Amino acid sequence: KDDQSQVGFEQTVDLEEKMLTVEYWRDRFGKAAKHF
């Protein structure tokens, strides 16, 4: 089930976004989370 779930995640992120680093997304998440 976890493998199937991971496949679902992979399909939602297009190739261009995969090229970005996880640090980029962590920074954006931190900024967005401050709204809550």
PDB file of all heavy atoms in Angstrom:
ATOM      1  N   LYS A   1       0.830  -1.212   0.000  1.00  0.00           N
ATOM      2  CA  LYS A   1       0.000   0.000   0.000  1.00  0.00           C
ATOM      3  C   LYS A   1       0.859   1.253   0.000  1.00  0.00           C
ATOM      4  O   LYS A   1       0.543   2.238  -0.652  1.00  0.00           O
ATOM      5  CB  LYS A   1      -0.921   0.011   1.207  1.00  0.00           C
ATOM      6  CG  LYS A   1      -2.242  -0.631   0.968  1.00  0.00           C
ATOM      7  CD  LYS A   1      -3.166  -0.347   2.117  1.00  0.00           C
ATOM      8  CE  LYS A   1      -4.571  -0.751   1.750  1.00  0.00           C
ATOM      9  NZ  LYS A   1      -5.508  -0.510   2.820  1.00  0.00           N
ATOM     10  N   ASP A   2       1.976   1.225   0.769  1.00  0.00           N
ATOM     11  CA  ASP A   2       2.856   2.391   0.809  1.00  0.00           C
ATOM     12  C   ASP A   2       3.487   2.650  -0.553  1.00  0.00           C
ATOM     13  O   ASP A   2       3.646   3.796  -0.963  1.00  0.00           O
ATOM     14  CB  ASP A   2       3.947   2.215   1.867  1.00  0.00           C
ATOM     15  CG  ASP A   2       3.413   2.385   3.283  1.00  0.00           C
ATOM     16  OD1 ASP A   2       2.352   3.027   3.432  1.00  0.00           O
ATOM     17  OD2 ASP A   2       4.044   1.877   4.221  1.00  0.00           O
ATOM     18  N   ASP A   3       3.858   1.573  -1.271  1.00  0.00           N
ATOM     19  CA  ASP A   3       4.415   1.725  -2.608  1.00  0.00           C
ATOM     20  C   ASP A   3       3.385   2.347  -3.539  1.00  0.00           C
ATOM     21  O   ASP A   3       3.704   3.230  -4.335  1.00  0.00           O
ATOM     22  CB  ASP A   3       4.861   0.382  -3.176  1.00  0.00           C
ATOM     23  CG  ASP A   3       6.071  -0.189  -2.461  1.00  0.00           C
ATOM     24  OD1 ASP A   3       6.813   0.598  -1.835  1.00  0.00           O
ATOM     25  OD2 ASP A   3       6.267  -1.420  -2.527  1.00  0.00           O
ATOM     26  N   GLN A   4       2.128   1.890  -3.449  1.00  0.00           N
ATOM     27  CA  GLN A   4       1.068   2.439  -4.287  1.00  0.00           C
ATOM     28  C   GLN A   4       0.850   3.908  -3.966  1.00  0.00           C
ATOM     29  O   GLN A   4       0.637   4.722  -4.858  1.00  0.00           O
ATOM     30  CB  GLN A   4      -0.219   1.662  -4.086  1.00  0.00           C
ATOM     31  CG  GLN A   4      -0.168   0.257  -4.632  1.00  0.00           C
ATOM     32  CD  GLN A   4      -1.369  -0.567  -4.212  1.00  0.00           C
ATOM     33  OE1 GLN A   4      -2.100  -0.190  -3.305  1.00  0.00           O
ATOM     34  NE2 GLN A   4      -1.571  -1.686  -4.878  1.00  0.00           N
ATOM     35  N   SER A   5       0.923   4.256  -2.699  1.00  0.00           N
ATOM     36  CA  SER A   5       0.749   5.649  -2.292  1.00  0.00           C
ATOM     37  C   SER A   5       1.865   6.514  -2.856  1.00  0.00           C
ATOM     38  O   SER A   5       1.637   7.627  -3.309  1.00  0.00           O
ATOM     39  CB  SER A   5       0.714   5.741  -0.765  1.00  0.00           C
ATOM     40  OG  SER A   5       0.591   7.061  -0.362  1.00  0.00           O
ATOM     41  N   GLN A   6       3.100   6.010  -2.823  1.00  0.00           N
ATOM     42  CA  GLN A   6       4.236   6.758  -3.347  1.00  0.00           C
ATOM     43  C   GLN A   6       4.078   6.987  -4.841  1.00  0.00           C
ATOM     44  O   GLN A   6       4.391   8.057  -5.339  1.00  0.00           O
ATOM     45  CB  GLN A   6       5.552   6.014  -3.051  1.00  0.00           C
ATOM     46  CG  GLN A   6       6.786   6.806  -3.386  1.00  0.00           C
ATOM     47  CD  GLN A   6       6.971   8.037  -2.529  1.00  0.00           C
ATOM     48  OE1 GLN A   6       6.504   8.125  -1.405  1.00  0.00           O
ATOM     49  NE2 GLN A   6       7.641   9.025  -3.072  1.00  0.00           N
ATOM     50  N   VAL A   7       3.571   5.989  -5.564  1.00  0.00           N
ATOM     51  CA  VAL A   7       3.333   6.150  -6.996  1.00  0.00           C
ATOM     52  C   VAL A   7       2.346   7.286  -7.219  1.00  0.00           C
ATOM     53  O   VAL A   7       2.520   8.108  -8.109  1.00  0.00           O
ATOM     54  CB  VAL A   7       2.819   4.830  -7.618  1.00  0.00           C
ATOM     55  CG1 VAL A   7       2.316   5.052  -9.029  1.00  0.00           C
ATOM     56  CG2 VAL A   7       3.927   3.785  -7.604  1.00  0.00           C
ATOM     57  N   GLY A   8       1.316   7.390  -6.383  1.00  0.00           N
ATOM     58  CA  GLY A   8       0.353   8.475  -6.492  1.00  0.00           C
ATOM     59  C   GLY A   8       1.005   9.831  -6.305  1.00  0.00           C
ATOM     60  O   GLY A   8       0.695  10.788  -7.006  1.00  0.00           O
ATOM     61  N   PHE A   9       1.927   9.919  -5.360  1.00  0.00           N
ATOM     62  CA  PHE A   9       2.654  11.171  -5.146  1.00  0.00           C
ATOM     63  C   PHE A   9       3.488  11.518  -6.372  1.00  0.00           C
ATOM     64  O   PHE A   9       3.521  12.655  -6.811  1.00  0.00           O
ATOM     65  CB  PHE A   9       3.582  11.075  -3.937  1.00  0.00           C
ATOM     66  CG  PHE A   9       2.897  11.297  -2.625  1.00  0.00           C
ATOM     67  CD1 PHE A   9       2.923  10.322  -1.650  1.00  0.00           C
ATOM     68  CD2 PHE A   9       2.252  12.487  -2.351  1.00  0.00           C
ATOM     69  CE1 PHE A   9       2.306  10.521  -0.436  1.00  0.00           C
ATOM     70  CE2 PHE A   9       1.632  12.699  -1.140  1.00  0.00           C
ATOM     71  CZ  PHE A   9       1.653  11.707  -0.181  1.00  0.00           C
ATOM     72  N   GLU A  10       4.182  10.528  -6.936  1.00  0.00           N
ATOM     73  CA  GLU A  10       5.050  10.782  -8.086  1.00  0.00           C
ATOM     74  C   GLU A  10       4.278  11.308  -9.279  1.00  0.00           C
ATOM     75  O   GLU A  10       4.777  12.141 -10.030  1.00  0.00           O
ATOM     76  CB  GLU A  10       5.810   9.513  -8.458  1.00  0.00           C
ATOM     77  CG  GLU A  10       6.857   9.141  -7.427  1.00  0.00           C
ATOM     78  CD  GLU A  10       7.484   7.788  -7.670  1.00  0.00           C
ATOM     79  OE1 GLU A  10       7.163   7.141  -8.692  1.00  0.00           O
ATOM     80  OE2 GLU A  10       8.290   7.377  -6.822  1.00  0.00           O
ATOM     81  N   GLN A  11       3.059  10.852  -9.449  1.00  0.00           N
ATOM     82  CA  GLN A  11       2.272  11.281 -10.587  1.00  0.00           C
ATOM     83  C   GLN A  11       1.792  12.710 -10.445  1.00  0.00           C
ATOM     84  O   GLN A  11       1.459  13.349 -11.439  1.00  0.00           O
ATOM     85  CB  GLN A  11       1.083  10.345 -10.776  1.00  0.00           C
ATOM     86  CG  GLN A  11       1.503   8.950 -11.195  1.00  0.00           C
ATOM     87  CD  GLN A  11       0.359   7.970 -11.175  1.00  0.00           C
ATOM     88  OE1 GLN A  11      -0.725   8.279 -10.694  1.00  0.00           O
ATOM     89  NE2 GLN A  11       0.588   6.784 -11.683  1.00  0.00           N
ATOM     90  N   THR A  12       1.758  13.252  -9.232  1.00  0.00           N
ATOM     91  CA  THR A  12       1.223  14.591  -9.043  1.00  0.00           C
ATOM     92  C   THR A  12       2.266  15.687  -9.195  1.00  0.00           C
ATOM     93  O   THR A  12       1.936  16.854  -9.272  1.00  0.00           O
ATOM     94  CB  THR A  12       0.579  14.742  -7.660  1.00  0.00           C
ATOM     95  OG1 THR A  12       1.571  14.517  -6.670  1.00  0.00           O
ATOM     96  CG2 THR A  12      -0.571  13.774  -7.487  1.00  0.00           C
ATOM     97  N   VAL A  13       3.515  15.309  -9.201  1.00  0.00           N
ATOM     98  CA  VAL A  13       4.580  16.310  -9.317  1.00  0.00           C
ATOM     99  C   VAL A  13       5.192  16.165 -10.705  1.00  0.00           C
ATOM    100  O   VAL A  13       5.730  15.143 -11.060  1.00  0.00           O
ATOM    101  CB  VAL A  13       5.650  16.091  -8.223  1.00  0.00           C
ATOM    102  CG1 VAL A  13       6.746  17.117  -8.346  1.00  0.00           C
ATOM    103  CG2 VAL A  13       5.023  16.145  -6.853  1.00  0.00           C
ATOM    104  N   ASP A  14       5.087  17.196 -11.510  1.00  0.00           N
ATOM    105  CA  ASP A  14       5.600  17.077 -12.864  1.00  0.00           C
ATOM    106  C   ASP A  14       7.129  17.165 -12.895  1.00  0.00           C
ATOM    107  O   ASP A  14       7.780  17.527 -11.916  1.00  0.00           O
ATOM    108  CB  ASP A  14       4.943  18.081 -13.813  1.00  0.00           C
ATOM    109  CG  ASP A  14       5.033  19.514 -13.336  1.00  0.00           C
ATOM    110  OD1 ASP A  14       5.616  19.753 -12.280  1.00  0.00           O
ATOM    111  OD2 ASP A  14       4.503  20.392 -14.025  1.00  0.00           O
ATOM    112  N   LEU A  15       7.700  16.837 -14.018  1.00  0.00           N
ATOM    113  CA  LEU A  15       9.143  16.703 -14.166  1.00  0.00           C
ATOM    114  C   LEU A  15       9.887  17.981 -13.793  1.00  0.00           C
ATOM    115  O   LEU A  15      10.922  17.931 -13.135  1.00  0.00           O
ATOM    116  CB  LEU A  15       9.482  16.294 -15.606  1.00  0.00           C
ATOM    117  CG  LEU A  15      10.945  16.077 -15.920  1.00  0.00           C
ATOM    118  CD1 LEU A  15      11.517  14.968 -15.032  1.00  0.00           C
ATOM    119  CD2 LEU A  15      11.109  15.691 -17.381  1.00  0.00           C
ATOM    120  N   GLU A  16       9.369  19.125 -14.185  1.00  0.00           N
ATOM    121  CA  GLU A  16      10.040  20.384 -13.891  1.00  0.00           C
ATOM    122  C   GLU A  16      10.208  20.593 -12.384  1.00  0.00           C
ATOM    123  O   GLU A  16      11.252  21.025 -11.924  1.00  0.00           O
ATOM    124  CB  GLU A  16       9.254  21.536 -14.496  1.00  0.00           C
ATOM    125  CG  GLU A  16       9.906  22.883 -14.299  1.00  0.00           C
ATOM    126  CD  GLU A  16       9.133  23.962 -15.019  1.00  0.00           C
ATOM    127  OE1 GLU A  16       9.368  24.123 -16.224  1.00  0.00           O
ATOM    128  OE2 GLU A  16       8.307  24.613 -14.374  1.00  0.00           O
ATOM    129  N   GLU A  17       9.179  20.262 -11.616  1.00  0.00           N
ATOM    130  CA  GLU A  17       9.266  20.431 -10.174  1.00  0.00           C
ATOM    131  C   GLU A  17      10.209  19.416  -9.540  1.00  0.00           C
ATOM    132  O   GLU A  17      10.831  19.697  -8.529  1.00  0.00           O
ATOM    133  CB  GLU A  17       7.877  20.337  -9.550  1.00  0.00           C
ATOM    134  CG  GLU A  17       7.027  21.534  -9.906  1.00  0.00           C
ATOM    135  CD  GLU A  17       5.621  21.425  -9.374  1.00  0.00           C
ATOM    136  OE1 GLU A  17       5.270  20.389  -8.804  1.00  0.00           O
ATOM    137  OE2 GLU A  17       4.877  22.389  -9.547  1.00  0.00           O
ATOM    138  N   LYS A  18      10.333  18.235 -10.112  1.00  0.00           N
ATOM    139  CA  LYS A  18      11.255  17.243  -9.579  1.00  0.00           C
ATOM    140  C   LYS A  18      12.695  17.731  -9.664  1.00  0.00           C
ATOM    141  O   LYS A  18      13.539  17.312  -8.889  1.00  0.00           O
ATOM    142  CB  LYS A  18      11.122  15.913 -10.326  1.00  0.00           C
ATOM    143  CG  LYS A  18       9.927  15.108  -9.927  1.00  0.00           C
ATOM    144  CD  LYS A  18       9.948  13.772 -10.625  1.00  0.00           C
ATOM    145  CE  LYS A  18       8.778  12.936 -10.212  1.00  0.00           C
ATOM    146  NZ  LYS A  18       8.780  11.618 -10.853  1.00  0.00           N
ATOM    147  N   MET A  19      12.956  18.605 -10.614  1.00  0.00           N
ATOM    148  CA  MET A  19      14.317  19.103 -10.789  1.00  0.00           C
ATOM    149  C   MET A  19      14.698  20.082  -9.681  1.00  0.00           C
ATOM    150  O   MET A  19      15.871  20.354  -9.473  1.00  0.00           O
ATOM    151  CB  MET A  19      14.460  19.758 -12.165  1.00  0.00           C
ATOM    152  CG  MET A  19      14.352  18.735 -13.269  1.00  0.00           C
ATOM    153  SD  MET A  19      14.364  19.324 -14.991  1.00  0.00           S
ATOM    154  CE  MET A  19      14.766  21.009 -14.933  1.00  0.00           C
ATOM    155  N   LEU A  20      13.734  20.628  -8.990  1.00  0.00           N
ATOM    156  CA  LEU A  20      14.019  21.531  -7.888  1.00  0.00           C
ATOM    157  C   LEU A  20      14.456  20.734  -6.667  1.00  0.00           C
ATOM    158  O   LEU A  20      14.151  19.562  -6.535  1.00  0.00           O
ATOM    159  CB  LEU A  20      12.782  22.363  -7.555  1.00  0.00           C
ATOM    160  CG  LEU A  20      12.266  23.248  -8.693  1.00  0.00           C
ATOM    161  CD1 LEU A  20      10.944  23.863  -8.309  1.00  0.00           C
ATOM    162  CD2 LEU A  20      13.275  24.315  -9.047  1.00  0.00           C
ATOM    163  N   THR A  21      15.112  21.385  -5.747  1.00  0.00           N
ATOM    164  CA  THR A  21      15.588  20.676  -4.560  1.00  0.00           C
ATOM    165  C   THR A  21      14.517  20.613  -3.481  1.00  0.00           C
ATOM    166  O   THR A  21      13.615  21.433  -3.431  1.00  0.00           O
ATOM    167  CB  THR A  21      16.820  21.383  -3.970  1.00  0.00           C
ATOM    168  OG1 THR A  21      16.433  22.677  -3.517  1.00  0.00           O
ATOM    169  CG2 THR A  21      17.932  21.497  -4.995  1.00  0.00           C
ATOM    170  N   VAL A  22      14.652  19.636  -2.612  1.00  0.00           N
ATOM    171  CA  VAL A  22      13.710  19.509  -1.501  1.00  0.00           C
ATOM    172  C   VAL A  22      13.829  20.706  -0.571  1.00  0.00           C
ATOM    173  O   VAL A  22      12.847  21.124   0.032  1.00  0.00           O
ATOM    174  CB  VAL A  22      13.900  18.158  -0.758  1.00  0.00           C
ATOM    175  CG1 VAL A  22      15.188  18.138   0.032  1.00  0.00           C
ATOM    176  CG2 VAL A  22      12.707  17.862   0.131  1.00  0.00           C
ATOM    177  N   GLU A  23      15.003  21.301  -0.480  1.00  0.00           N
ATOM    178  CA  GLU A  23      15.170  22.492   0.362  1.00  0.00           C
ATOM    179  C   GLU A  23      14.299  23.646  -0.130  1.00  0.00           C
ATOM    180  O   GLU A  23      13.756  24.413   0.664  1.00  0.00           O
ATOM    181  CB  GLU A  23      16.642  22.924   0.417  1.00  0.00           C
ATOM    182  CG  GLU A  23      17.528  21.997   1.218  1.00  0.00           C
ATOM    183  CD  GLU A  23      17.954  20.748   0.447  1.00  0.00           C
ATOM    184  OE1 GLU A  23      17.798  20.720  -0.797  1.00  0.00           O
ATOM    185  OE2 GLU A  23      18.405  19.794   1.093  1.00  0.00           O
ATOM    186  N   TYR A  24      14.168  23.779  -1.441  1.00  0.00           N
ATOM    187  CA  TYR A  24      13.303  24.799  -2.036  1.00  0.00           C
ATOM    188  C   TYR A  24      11.867  24.623  -1.549  1.00  0.00           C
ATOM    189  O   TYR A  24      11.205  25.578  -1.129  1.00  0.00           O
ATOM    190  CB  TYR A  24      13.390  24.692  -3.557  1.00  0.00           C
ATOM    191  CG  TYR A  24      12.372  25.516  -4.304  1.00  0.00           C
ATOM    192  CD1 TYR A  24      12.603  26.860  -4.562  1.00  0.00           C
ATOM    193  CD2 TYR A  24      11.179  24.954  -4.753  1.00  0.00           C
ATOM    194  CE1 TYR A  24      11.685  27.625  -5.258  1.00  0.00           C
ATOM    195  CE2 TYR A  24      10.249  25.711  -5.449  1.00  0.00           C
ATOM    196  CZ  TYR A  24      10.504  27.041  -5.693  1.00  0.00           C
ATOM    197  OH  TYR A  24       9.583  27.787  -6.366  1.00  0.00           O
ATOM    198  N   TRP A  25      11.382  23.383  -1.602  1.00  0.00           N
ATOM    199  CA  TRP A  25      10.009  23.105  -1.199  1.00  0.00           C
ATOM    200  C   TRP A  25       9.837  23.236   0.308  1.00  0.00           C
ATOM    201  O   TRP A  25       8.787  23.663   0.783  1.00  0.00           O
ATOM    202  CB  TRP A  25       9.578  21.724  -1.684  1.00  0.00           C
ATOM    203  CG  TRP A  25       9.388  21.738  -3.164  1.00  0.00           C
ATOM    204  CD1 TRP A  25      10.236  21.242  -4.107  1.00  0.00           C
ATOM    205  CD2 TRP A  25       8.303  22.338  -3.883  1.00  0.00           C
ATOM    206  NE1 TRP A  25       9.731  21.482  -5.361  1.00  0.00           N
ATOM    207  CE2 TRP A  25       8.545  22.149  -5.255  1.00  0.00           C
ATOM    208  CE3 TRP A  25       7.147  23.004  -3.492  1.00  0.00           C
ATOM    209  CZ2 TRP A  25       7.671  22.599  -6.239  1.00  0.00           C
ATOM    210  CZ3 TRP A  25       6.272  23.451  -4.472  1.00  0.00           C
ATOM    211  CH2 TRP A  25       6.543  23.255  -5.823  1.00  0.00           C
ATOM    212  N   ARG A  26      10.851  22.873   1.072  1.00  0.00           N
ATOM    213  CA  ARG A  26      10.773  23.022   2.529  1.00  0.00           C
ATOM    214  C   ARG A  26      10.660  24.491   2.898  1.00  0.00           C
ATOM    215  O   ARG A  26       9.892  24.853   3.803  1.00  0.00           O
ATOM    216  CB  ARG A  26      11.993  22.393   3.188  1.00  0.00           C
ATOM    217  CG  ARG A  26      11.959  20.892   3.142  1.00  0.00           C
ATOM    218  CD  ARG A  26      13.228  20.268   3.659  1.00  0.00           C
ATOM    219  NE  ARG A  26      13.107  18.809   3.621  1.00  0.00           N
ATOM    220  CZ  ARG A  26      14.130  17.992   3.664  1.00  0.00           C
ATOM    221  NH1 ARG A  26      15.362  18.458   3.760  1.00  0.00           N
ATOM    222  NH2 ARG A  26      13.938  16.686   3.615  1.00  0.00           N
ATOM    223  N   ASP A  27      11.394  25.339   2.202  1.00  0.00           N
ATOM    224  CA  ASP A  27      11.317  26.782   2.454  1.00  0.00           C
ATOM    225  C   ASP A  27       9.927  27.308   2.119  1.00  0.00           C
ATOM    226  O   ASP A  27       9.328  28.056   2.893  1.00  0.00           O
ATOM    227  CB  ASP A  27      12.389  27.504   1.631  1.00  0.00           C
ATOM    228  CG  ASP A  27      12.395  28.989   1.878  1.00  0.00           C
ATOM    229  OD1 ASP A  27      12.531  29.401   3.055  1.00  0.00           O
ATOM    230  OD2 ASP A  27      12.271  29.755   0.897  1.00  0.00           O
ATOM    231  N   ARG A  28       9.394  26.909   0.977  1.00  0.00           N
ATOM    232  CA  ARG A  28       8.048  27.345   0.590  1.00  0.00           C
ATOM    233  C   ARG A  28       6.994  26.831   1.564  1.00  0.00           C
ATOM    234  O   ARG A  28       6.055  27.557   1.903  1.00  0.00           O
ATOM    235  CB  ARG A  28       7.712  26.864  -0.826  1.00  0.00           C
ATOM    236  CG  ARG A  28       8.357  27.731  -1.883  1.00  0.00           C
ATOM    237  CD  ARG A  28       8.066  27.286  -3.279  1.00  0.00           C
ATOM    238  NE  ARG A  28       6.638  27.298  -3.618  1.00  0.00           N
ATOM    239  CZ  ARG A  28       6.180  27.098  -4.839  1.00  0.00           C
ATOM    240  NH1 ARG A  28       7.009  26.872  -5.839  1.00  0.00           N
ATOM    241  NH2 ARG A  28       4.881  27.104  -5.078  1.00  0.00           N
ATOM    242  N   PHE A  29       7.141  25.597   2.031  1.00  0.00           N
ATOM    243  CA  PHE A  29       6.197  25.050   3.001  1.00  0.00           C
ATOM    244  C   PHE A  29       6.240  25.861   4.288  1.00  0.00           C
ATOM    245  O   PHE A  29       5.195  26.194   4.848  1.00  0.00           O
ATOM    246  CB  PHE A  29       6.506  23.572   3.297  1.00  0.00           C
ATOM    247  CG  PHE A  29       5.536  22.970   4.272  1.00  0.00           C
ATOM    248  CD1 PHE A  29       4.323  22.478   3.852  1.00  0.00           C
ATOM    249  CD2 PHE A  29       5.831  22.926   5.627  1.00  0.00           C
ATOM    250  CE1 PHE A  29       3.411  21.940   4.757  1.00  0.00           C
ATOM    251  CE2 PHE A  29       4.942  22.389   6.538  1.00  0.00           C
ATOM    252  CZ  PHE A  29       3.727  21.897   6.102  1.00  0.00           C
ATOM    253  N   GLY A  30       7.431  26.181   4.762  1.00  0.00           N
ATOM    254  CA  GLY A  30       7.568  26.969   5.991  1.00  0.00           C
ATOM    255  C   GLY A  30       6.884  28.318   5.880  1.00  0.00           C
ATOM    256  O   GLY A  30       6.205  28.764   6.813  1.00  0.00           O
ATOM    257  N   LYS A  31       7.042  28.964   4.740  1.00  0.00           N
ATOM    258  CA  LYS A  31       6.395  30.264   4.520  1.00  0.00           C
ATOM    259  C   LYS A  31       4.874  30.124   4.469  1.00  0.00           C
ATOM    260  O   LYS A  31       4.152  30.946   5.031  1.00  0.00           O
ATOM    261  CB  LYS A  31       6.912  30.900   3.236  1.00  0.00           C
ATOM    262  CG  LYS A  31       8.353  31.363   3.342  1.00  0.00           C
ATOM    263  CD  LYS A  31       8.866  31.881   2.018  1.00  0.00           C
ATOM    264  CE  LYS A  31      10.330  32.263   2.144  1.00  0.00           C
ATOM    265  NZ  LYS A  31      10.919  32.628   0.854  1.00  0.00           N
ATOM    266  N   ALA A  32       4.400  29.096   3.804  1.00  0.00           N
ATOM    267  CA  ALA A  32       2.949  28.889   3.696  1.00  0.00           C
ATOM    268  C   ALA A  32       2.345  28.508   5.043  1.00  0.00           C
ATOM    269  O   ALA A  32       1.246  28.962   5.397  1.00  0.00           O
ATOM    270  CB  ALA A  32       2.645  27.809   2.653  1.00  0.00           C
ATOM    271  N   ALA A  33       3.055  27.696   5.807  1.00  0.00           N
ATOM    272  CA  ALA A  33       2.534  27.222   7.099  1.00  0.00           C
ATOM    273  C   ALA A  33       2.363  28.359   8.098  1.00  0.00           C
ATOM    274  O   ALA A  33       1.545  28.262   9.017  1.00  0.00           O
ATOM    275  CB  ALA A  33       3.457  26.147   7.674  1.00  0.00           C
ATOM    276  N   LYS A  34       3.092  29.449   7.923  1.00  0.00           N
ATOM    277  CA  LYS A  34       2.984  30.597   8.831  1.00  0.00           C
ATOM    278  C   LYS A  34       1.606  31.261   8.769  1.00  0.00           C
ATOM    279  O   LYS A  34       1.244  32.015   9.658  1.00  0.00           O
ATOM    280  CB  LYS A  34       4.069  31.627   8.520  1.00  0.00           C
ATOM    281  CG  LYS A  34       5.448  31.158   8.899  1.00  0.00           C
ATOM    282  CD  LYS A  34       6.492  32.192   8.564  1.00  0.00           C
ATOM    283  CE  LYS A  34       7.871  31.663   8.905  1.00  0.00           C
ATOM    284  NZ  LYS A  34       8.920  32.618   8.552  1.00  0.00           N
ATOM    285  N   HIS A  35       0.836  30.968   7.742  1.00  0.00           N
ATOM    286  CA  HIS A  35      -0.505  31.541   7.602  1.00  0.00           C
ATOM    287  C   HIS A  35      -1.535  30.861   8.509  1.00  0.00           C
ATOM    288  O   HIS A  35      -2.671  31.300   8.570  1.00  0.00           O
ATOM    289  CB  HIS A  35      -0.982  31.437   6.148  1.00  0.00           C
ATOM    290  CG  HIS A  35      -0.281  32.360   5.221  1.00  0.00           C
ATOM    291  ND1 HIS A  35       0.920  32.041   4.621  1.00  0.00           N
ATOM    292  CD2 HIS A  35      -0.601  33.596   4.793  1.00  0.00           C
ATOM    293  CE1 HIS A  35       1.298  33.044   3.863  1.00  0.00           C
ATOM    294  NE2 HIS A  35       0.391  34.000   3.938  1.00  0.00           N
ATOM    295  N   PHE A  36      -1.126  29.812   9.192  1.00  0.00           N
ATOM    296  CA  PHE A  36      -2.058  29.026   9.994  1.00  0.00           C
ATOM    297  C   PHE A  36      -1.641  29.023  11.455  1.00  0.00           C
ATOM    298  O   PHE A  36      -0.474  29.190  11.782  1.00  0.00           O
ATOM    299  CB  PHE A  36      -2.127  27.592   9.450  1.00  0.00           C
ATOM    300  CG  PHE A  36      -2.582  27.560   8.015  1.00  0.00           C
ATOM    301  CD1 PHE A  36      -1.656  27.582   6.988  1.00  0.00           C
ATOM    302  CD2 PHE A  36      -3.927  27.552   7.708  1.00  0.00           C
ATOM    303  CE1 PHE A  36      -2.070  27.582   5.663  1.00  0.00           C
ATOM    304  CE2 PHE A  36      -4.348  27.547   6.386  1.00  0.00           C
ATOM    305  CZ  PHE A  36      -3.423  27.565   5.364  1.00  0.00           C
TER     306      PHE A  36
END
